[in-house]
Protein backbone atom coordinates (compact mmCIF):
# COMPACT_ATOMS: atom_id res chain seq x y z
CA MET A 1 19.29 27.24 -87.25
CA LEU A 2 20.03 23.53 -86.92
CA VAL A 3 17.36 21.88 -84.83
CA ALA A 4 18.22 18.21 -85.08
CA SER A 5 20.24 15.77 -87.11
CA PHE A 6 19.32 12.40 -88.57
CA GLU A 7 20.87 9.77 -90.78
CA CYS A 8 19.02 9.48 -94.07
CA SER A 9 19.49 6.04 -95.68
CA GLU A 10 18.65 7.32 -99.17
CA THR A 11 21.12 10.22 -99.29
CA SER A 12 23.83 9.39 -96.79
CA LYS A 13 27.27 8.63 -98.19
CA LEU A 14 30.51 7.62 -96.58
CA GLN A 15 33.32 10.08 -96.91
CA ASN A 16 36.60 9.72 -95.05
CA SER A 17 34.91 6.95 -93.00
CA LYS A 18 32.36 9.42 -91.64
CA LEU A 19 28.64 9.47 -92.37
CA PHE A 20 27.27 12.72 -93.74
CA LYS A 21 24.53 14.17 -91.59
CA VAL A 22 21.44 15.71 -93.13
CA PHE A 23 19.84 18.47 -91.13
CA CYS A 24 16.19 19.31 -91.07
CA LEU A 25 14.19 22.26 -89.77
CA VAL A 26 10.75 21.59 -88.32
CA GLY A 27 7.83 23.86 -87.69
CA ILE A 28 4.29 24.37 -86.47
CA VAL A 29 1.87 23.11 -89.14
CA GLY A 30 -1.28 23.83 -87.15
CA PHE A 31 -2.37 24.90 -83.69
CA GLY A 32 -5.49 25.30 -81.62
CA ALA A 33 -6.67 26.17 -78.14
CA CYS A 34 -9.60 25.54 -75.86
CA VAL A 35 -10.73 27.53 -72.82
CA PRO A 36 -13.92 26.65 -70.89
CA LYS A 37 -16.62 29.31 -71.02
CA TYR A 38 -17.18 29.36 -67.26
CA ARG A 39 -15.40 31.99 -65.15
CA ILE A 40 -15.18 33.06 -61.54
CA LYS A 41 -13.89 36.44 -60.48
CA ALA A 42 -11.01 36.66 -58.03
CA GLY A 43 -13.18 39.02 -55.98
CA GLU A 44 -15.89 36.37 -55.65
CA ILE A 45 -13.39 33.91 -54.15
CA ALA A 46 -11.90 36.60 -51.91
CA SER A 47 -15.33 37.50 -50.50
CA VAL A 48 -15.83 33.93 -49.24
CA TRP A 49 -12.54 33.90 -47.32
CA GLY A 50 -12.71 37.45 -46.00
CA GLU A 51 -9.83 38.64 -48.18
CA ASP A 52 -9.53 42.05 -49.78
CA ALA A 53 -10.38 41.60 -53.46
CA ARG A 54 -8.22 44.49 -54.64
CA ARG A 55 -5.22 43.17 -52.73
CA ILE A 56 -5.64 39.74 -54.32
CA GLU A 57 -6.09 41.15 -57.82
CA ASP A 58 -3.10 43.46 -57.51
CA GLY A 59 -0.95 40.85 -55.75
CA LEU A 60 -1.49 38.11 -58.33
CA GLY A 61 -2.35 40.20 -61.36
CA ILE A 62 -5.42 38.00 -61.95
CA LEU A 63 -8.96 39.38 -62.32
CA GLU A 64 -10.78 36.12 -63.07
CA LYS A 65 -10.12 32.54 -64.08
CA SER A 66 -11.67 29.81 -66.21
CA VAL A 67 -13.56 26.92 -64.63
CA PRO A 68 -14.24 23.60 -66.40
CA ALA A 69 -17.84 22.53 -67.00
CA LEU A 70 -19.17 19.53 -65.10
CA ASP A 71 -18.36 17.28 -68.08
CA GLU A 72 -14.98 18.81 -68.96
CA ASP A 73 -11.59 17.42 -67.99
CA ALA A 74 -8.04 17.50 -69.33
CA ALA A 75 -8.96 14.91 -71.98
CA THR A 76 -11.99 16.73 -73.40
CA LEU A 77 -10.15 20.05 -73.47
CA ALA A 78 -7.23 18.37 -75.23
CA VAL A 79 -9.57 16.86 -77.81
CA GLU A 80 -11.17 20.21 -78.71
CA ALA A 81 -7.82 21.99 -78.92
CA SER A 82 -6.50 19.16 -81.13
CA ARG A 83 -9.50 19.28 -83.43
CA ASN A 84 -8.96 23.01 -83.85
CA ALA A 85 -5.30 22.37 -84.65
CA LEU A 86 -6.25 19.77 -87.27
CA VAL A 87 -8.68 22.12 -89.01
CA TYR A 88 -6.06 24.85 -88.97
CA SER A 89 -3.39 22.55 -90.39
CA GLY A 90 -5.52 21.05 -93.15
CA ILE A 91 -3.96 17.61 -92.66
CA SER A 92 -5.68 14.30 -91.96
CA ALA A 93 -5.54 12.97 -88.41
CA LYS A 94 -4.45 9.64 -89.89
CA GLU A 95 -1.12 11.23 -90.86
CA ILE A 96 -0.22 11.96 -87.23
CA GLY A 97 2.48 9.58 -86.04
CA ALA A 98 2.72 10.63 -82.38
CA VAL A 99 0.46 12.13 -79.73
CA PHE A 100 1.88 13.51 -76.48
CA VAL A 101 -0.43 14.95 -73.83
CA GLY A 102 1.20 16.97 -71.07
CA SER A 103 -0.87 17.48 -67.93
CA GLU A 104 -0.81 17.24 -64.17
CA SER A 105 -4.54 16.55 -64.02
CA HIS A 106 -4.89 13.49 -66.26
CA PRO A 107 -8.38 12.04 -65.62
CA TYR A 108 -6.92 8.60 -64.89
CA ALA A 109 -4.01 7.74 -62.61
CA VAL A 110 -3.43 4.63 -64.72
CA LYS A 111 -4.74 4.94 -68.28
CA PRO A 112 -3.30 7.28 -70.87
CA THR A 113 -5.05 10.46 -71.91
CA ALA A 114 -3.14 10.35 -75.20
CA THR A 115 -5.01 7.25 -76.41
CA ILE A 116 -8.35 8.93 -75.69
CA VAL A 117 -7.32 11.99 -77.69
CA ALA A 118 -5.91 9.94 -80.58
CA GLU A 119 -9.11 7.90 -80.86
CA ALA A 120 -11.37 10.95 -80.57
CA ILE A 121 -9.64 12.88 -83.37
CA GLY A 122 -9.58 9.86 -85.69
CA ALA A 123 -5.85 9.15 -85.71
CA ALA A 124 -4.66 5.83 -87.13
CA PRO A 125 -3.60 3.23 -84.53
CA ASN A 126 -0.05 2.92 -85.89
CA LEU A 127 1.26 5.78 -83.80
CA THR A 128 3.26 6.55 -80.67
CA ALA A 129 1.13 7.85 -77.80
CA ALA A 130 2.21 8.85 -74.32
CA ASP A 131 1.25 11.04 -71.40
CA LEU A 132 3.81 13.50 -70.05
CA GLU A 133 3.94 15.12 -66.62
CA PHE A 134 6.30 17.91 -65.66
CA ALA A 135 4.07 20.36 -63.82
CA CYS A 136 3.35 23.26 -66.19
CA LYS A 137 5.92 22.55 -68.91
CA ALA A 138 4.84 19.10 -70.04
CA GLY A 139 3.21 20.57 -73.14
CA THR A 140 6.40 22.19 -74.40
CA ALA A 141 8.30 18.98 -73.59
CA GLY A 142 5.83 17.30 -75.96
CA ILE A 143 6.73 19.81 -78.67
CA GLN A 144 10.39 18.90 -78.26
CA CYS A 145 9.56 15.19 -78.49
CA CYS A 146 7.67 15.80 -81.73
CA MET A 147 10.49 17.95 -83.08
CA GLY A 148 12.96 15.12 -82.66
CA MET A 149 10.68 12.50 -84.19
CA VAL A 150 9.79 14.66 -87.20
CA ALA A 151 13.40 15.74 -87.78
CA SER A 152 14.62 12.13 -87.61
CA LYS A 153 11.96 11.06 -90.14
CA MET A 154 10.36 8.67 -87.66
CA ILE A 155 7.02 10.39 -88.23
CA LYS A 156 5.54 12.93 -90.64
CA TYR A 157 3.53 14.85 -88.05
CA GLY A 158 3.43 14.91 -84.27
CA LEU A 159 0.75 16.33 -81.99
CA ALA A 160 1.82 17.97 -78.73
CA ILE A 161 -0.80 19.08 -76.22
CA GLY A 162 -0.73 20.88 -72.90
CA SER A 163 -4.04 20.49 -71.05
CA ASP A 164 -5.08 20.92 -67.43
CA THR A 165 -7.97 21.39 -65.06
CA SER A 166 -5.66 22.46 -62.28
CA GLN A 167 -6.40 22.07 -58.60
CA GLY A 168 -6.30 24.56 -55.76
CA LYS A 169 -7.15 23.83 -52.15
CA PRO A 170 -9.98 26.00 -50.77
CA SER A 171 -8.61 29.24 -49.25
CA ASP A 172 -5.11 28.51 -50.61
CA ALA A 173 -3.44 31.11 -52.84
CA LEU A 174 -3.70 28.64 -55.72
CA GLU A 175 -7.48 28.83 -55.63
CA TYR A 176 -7.29 32.32 -57.13
CA SER A 177 -5.19 31.20 -60.08
CA ALA A 178 -5.63 27.46 -60.82
CA SER A 179 -7.81 27.26 -63.92
CA ALA A 180 -8.48 25.14 -67.01
CA GLY A 181 -7.53 25.19 -70.67
CA ALA A 182 -5.56 23.47 -73.43
CA GLY A 183 -3.26 24.27 -76.31
CA ALA A 184 -2.37 21.86 -79.13
CA PHE A 185 0.39 22.10 -81.75
CA ILE A 186 0.97 19.92 -84.80
CA ILE A 187 4.66 19.70 -85.63
CA GLY A 188 5.82 18.86 -89.15
CA SER A 189 8.20 19.89 -91.89
CA ASP A 190 9.21 23.55 -92.10
CA LYS A 191 8.16 23.49 -95.78
CA GLU A 192 4.46 23.53 -94.86
CA SER A 193 4.62 25.30 -91.53
CA VAL A 194 3.01 28.50 -90.34
CA ALA A 195 6.00 29.06 -88.08
CA VAL A 196 9.48 27.51 -88.17
CA ILE A 197 11.03 26.43 -84.88
CA GLU A 198 14.54 27.75 -85.31
CA ASP A 199 16.03 26.33 -82.12
CA THR A 200 15.29 25.20 -78.56
CA PHE A 201 17.12 25.09 -75.24
CA SER A 202 16.21 23.61 -71.86
CA PHE A 203 17.34 24.16 -68.28
CA THR A 204 16.44 21.67 -65.53
CA THR A 205 17.27 21.14 -61.84
CA ASP A 206 15.82 19.30 -58.85
CA THR A 207 14.09 22.26 -57.20
CA PRO A 208 11.11 21.10 -55.08
CA ASP A 209 8.94 24.22 -55.19
CA PHE A 210 5.62 22.50 -55.94
CA TRP A 211 4.41 18.91 -55.60
CA ARG A 212 1.45 16.59 -55.06
CA ARG A 213 1.99 13.20 -53.47
CA PRO A 214 0.09 10.06 -54.53
CA GLU A 215 -3.57 10.15 -53.48
CA ALA A 216 -3.29 13.77 -52.32
CA GLU A 217 -6.16 15.73 -53.84
CA PHE A 218 -4.51 19.14 -53.81
CA PRO A 219 -0.92 20.18 -54.51
CA SER A 220 1.45 21.80 -52.03
CA HIS A 221 3.82 24.64 -52.77
CA GLY A 222 6.76 26.43 -51.24
CA GLY A 223 5.12 29.86 -51.13
CA ARG A 224 7.68 32.52 -52.00
CA PHE A 225 10.21 29.78 -52.69
CA THR A 226 8.35 29.20 -55.96
CA GLY A 227 9.64 32.57 -57.16
CA LYS A 228 13.35 33.36 -57.14
CA PRO A 229 14.97 29.88 -56.88
CA ALA A 230 12.31 28.21 -59.03
CA TYR A 231 10.45 30.27 -61.64
CA PHE A 232 12.91 33.12 -62.13
CA LYS A 233 16.08 31.03 -62.02
CA HIS A 234 14.86 28.50 -64.57
CA VAL A 235 13.10 30.88 -66.95
CA THR A 236 16.05 33.29 -67.07
CA SER A 237 18.58 30.47 -67.39
CA ALA A 238 16.74 28.82 -70.29
CA ALA A 239 16.09 32.16 -71.97
CA LYS A 240 19.69 33.36 -71.66
CA GLY A 241 20.95 29.98 -72.81
CA LEU A 242 18.91 30.15 -76.01
CA LEU A 243 19.72 33.80 -76.68
CA GLU A 244 23.41 32.93 -76.42
CA LYS A 245 23.02 29.77 -78.51
CA THR A 246 21.26 31.61 -81.33
CA GLY A 247 23.26 34.83 -81.08
CA THR A 248 20.11 36.88 -80.59
CA ALA A 249 18.94 39.59 -78.21
CA PRO A 250 15.50 40.70 -76.94
CA LYS A 251 15.46 43.50 -79.52
CA ASP A 252 15.46 40.87 -82.31
CA PHE A 253 11.98 39.62 -81.39
CA ASP A 254 8.50 40.97 -82.04
CA TYR A 255 6.75 38.87 -79.39
CA VAL A 256 7.69 37.06 -76.21
CA VAL A 257 5.73 34.42 -74.28
CA PHE A 258 6.68 33.26 -70.80
CA HIS A 259 4.97 30.74 -68.55
CA GLN A 260 2.34 32.69 -66.66
CA PRO A 261 1.42 31.29 -63.23
CA ASN A 262 0.03 34.73 -62.47
CA GLY A 263 -0.04 38.14 -64.11
CA LYS A 264 3.05 39.49 -62.37
CA PHE A 265 5.83 36.93 -62.84
CA PRO A 266 5.92 37.14 -66.68
CA ARG A 267 6.12 40.92 -66.54
CA MET A 268 8.90 40.77 -63.98
CA VAL A 269 10.97 38.22 -65.90
CA ALA A 270 10.46 40.12 -69.17
CA LYS A 271 11.89 43.23 -67.52
CA MET A 272 14.79 41.24 -66.05
CA LEU A 273 15.70 39.91 -69.50
CA GLY A 274 15.19 43.18 -71.35
CA PHE A 275 11.97 42.47 -73.27
CA GLU A 276 9.53 45.35 -73.70
CA GLU A 277 6.08 44.79 -72.16
CA ALA A 278 4.46 45.57 -75.52
CA LYS A 279 6.03 42.36 -76.84
CA LEU A 280 4.63 40.38 -73.90
CA SER A 281 1.05 41.66 -73.77
CA PRO A 282 -0.43 39.79 -76.80
CA GLY A 283 0.34 36.41 -75.24
CA LEU A 284 -0.33 37.29 -71.61
CA VAL A 285 -3.75 35.73 -71.00
CA THR A 286 -3.50 34.63 -67.35
CA PRO A 287 -5.02 37.87 -65.96
CA VAL A 288 -8.35 36.94 -67.58
CA ILE A 289 -8.33 33.12 -67.64
CA GLY A 290 -6.00 32.19 -64.77
CA ASN A 291 -3.11 29.73 -64.78
CA THR A 292 -3.94 26.83 -67.09
CA TYR A 293 -0.75 25.02 -66.01
CA SER A 294 0.40 22.78 -68.89
CA GLY A 295 -1.75 24.85 -71.22
CA ALA A 296 -0.43 28.24 -70.10
CA THR A 297 2.56 28.71 -72.41
CA MET A 298 0.78 26.84 -75.21
CA ILE A 299 -2.31 29.08 -75.09
CA GLY A 300 -0.11 32.18 -74.80
CA LEU A 301 1.77 31.14 -77.95
CA ALA A 302 -1.49 30.37 -79.74
CA ALA A 303 -2.76 33.86 -78.88
CA VAL A 304 0.37 35.37 -80.42
CA LEU A 305 0.12 33.22 -83.57
CA ASP A 306 -3.51 34.32 -83.92
CA GLU A 307 -2.28 37.82 -84.74
CA ALA A 308 1.39 37.52 -85.81
CA GLN A 309 2.27 38.39 -89.39
CA PRO A 310 4.79 36.67 -91.69
CA GLY A 311 8.35 37.51 -90.72
CA ALA A 312 7.55 38.01 -87.02
CA ARG A 313 9.94 36.41 -84.55
CA ILE A 314 8.66 34.92 -81.30
CA PHE A 315 10.63 34.03 -78.19
CA VAL A 316 8.97 31.47 -75.89
CA THR A 317 10.01 30.09 -72.51
CA SER A 318 7.90 27.71 -70.44
CA PHE A 319 8.34 26.69 -66.82
CA GLY A 320 7.41 23.62 -64.83
CA SER A 321 7.82 23.28 -61.11
CA GLY A 322 10.22 20.63 -59.93
CA ALA A 323 11.83 22.38 -61.93
CA GLY A 324 12.65 23.19 -65.54
CA SER A 325 12.13 25.47 -68.52
CA ASP A 326 12.06 24.97 -72.31
CA ALA A 327 12.86 27.94 -74.55
CA PHE A 328 12.14 28.30 -78.29
CA VAL A 329 12.92 30.72 -81.11
CA ILE A 330 10.05 30.70 -83.61
CA ASN A 331 9.83 32.47 -86.97
CA VAL A 332 6.40 33.08 -88.56
CA THR A 333 6.12 32.13 -92.25
CA ASP A 334 3.93 33.27 -95.14
CA GLY A 335 1.88 30.10 -94.73
CA ILE A 336 0.05 31.57 -91.74
CA VAL A 337 -1.98 33.93 -93.91
CA GLU A 338 -3.94 31.30 -95.84
CA LYS A 339 -4.41 28.91 -92.92
CA ARG A 340 -5.80 31.72 -90.78
CA LYS A 341 -8.75 31.93 -93.18
CA LYS A 342 -10.03 28.53 -92.04
CA GLY A 343 -12.00 30.23 -89.29
CA VAL A 344 -10.68 28.28 -86.31
CA LYS A 345 -11.83 29.80 -83.02
CA THR A 346 -9.10 32.09 -81.71
CA VAL A 347 -7.86 32.44 -78.15
CA LYS A 348 -9.44 35.88 -78.00
CA GLU A 349 -12.81 34.43 -79.02
CA TYR A 350 -12.54 31.77 -76.31
CA ILE A 351 -11.72 34.46 -73.76
CA GLU A 352 -14.69 36.61 -74.77
CA ASP A 353 -17.15 33.68 -74.68
CA LYS A 354 -17.78 33.48 -70.93
CA HIS A 355 -20.37 32.90 -68.23
CA TYR A 356 -19.72 33.80 -64.59
CA LEU A 357 -20.25 31.43 -61.67
CA SER A 358 -20.90 32.10 -58.01
CA TYR A 359 -18.50 30.51 -55.53
CA ALA A 360 -21.17 27.91 -54.70
CA LEU A 361 -21.44 26.81 -58.33
CA TYR A 362 -17.66 26.94 -58.68
CA VAL A 363 -17.35 24.48 -55.77
CA LYS A 364 -19.91 22.25 -57.48
CA HIS A 365 -18.04 22.35 -60.80
CA ARG A 366 -14.73 21.54 -59.12
CA ARG A 367 -16.33 18.86 -56.90
CA LYS A 368 -14.88 20.34 -53.74
CA LEU A 369 -17.76 19.34 -51.49
CA LYS A 370 -16.88 16.07 -49.76
CA SER A 371 -19.07 13.87 -47.57
CA LEU A 372 -17.69 12.85 -44.17
């Protein structure tokens, strides 16, 4: 259960010419999510392109997806999710020492989203702020960054966010899944956490399954290549690596969350690894909100923490095209009971608060109409 090591100047002593190392566990002190209220059904998109709605729904495992409002972007979604996380945590924003925003749809090509979020939530200026980009796993990479900084005593709290208003070219398969949403996690000491992060493990290779070149408006993908050599290889490798590292097995966990680009891949990888579908279902939200990219694993984990009881163990593995996965073992603490009473809007409540759009309004919201 050793997450990270750091040298503590107050307690370190020399013995046999070696410096003692003090080890520290870190955990989730607060969390929050944000999902736009607008939705479009997969069948509505299919009808425009002459596709069979049932075939699309069954093929992707997605019934509908979220659509950002005209004034929503990755920054505004990140701000709301972060504000929810702050309320949940009960800490002051001025105590946050780092803000990392993972996204592949940052509103500016050159100007950090993290500074916008930090300012909006009232964080003090003496902090580290940076934008991260690793397709859909940049949010979990932010969690790992915060883990290291908290464990090394560089900061007291770190804020990691995964937020996207993902893009899909008209008539492309991505148009049925690319959606919008954000998840935010405040990382701090395990002593005040609602869930302790027991350990983490990552697996990364140069696998070009998905990309968007500079100035290209929509991403490209390798079709079926995004499956076996990309998603499945990296998710299973990271998951198996962490199971081996921690000496655990799927039966030891109450919940499991996998990156969810659609409704089928997580179910398939859970079966491959030996996790029961009942452990996957609470965090599987893509079928009703679509693929929120950097927010997908984060929102799935938030949905699980919304209902998990003290003592529950959660296994999480993200995935980002390009490609890599981050896996985590998380143990829910007694602290979650009291903090849950703060009344922060849950993932389920965001999912149920919805308004449907026609394809015409969806195109307007996503600004897909271009003048010649």
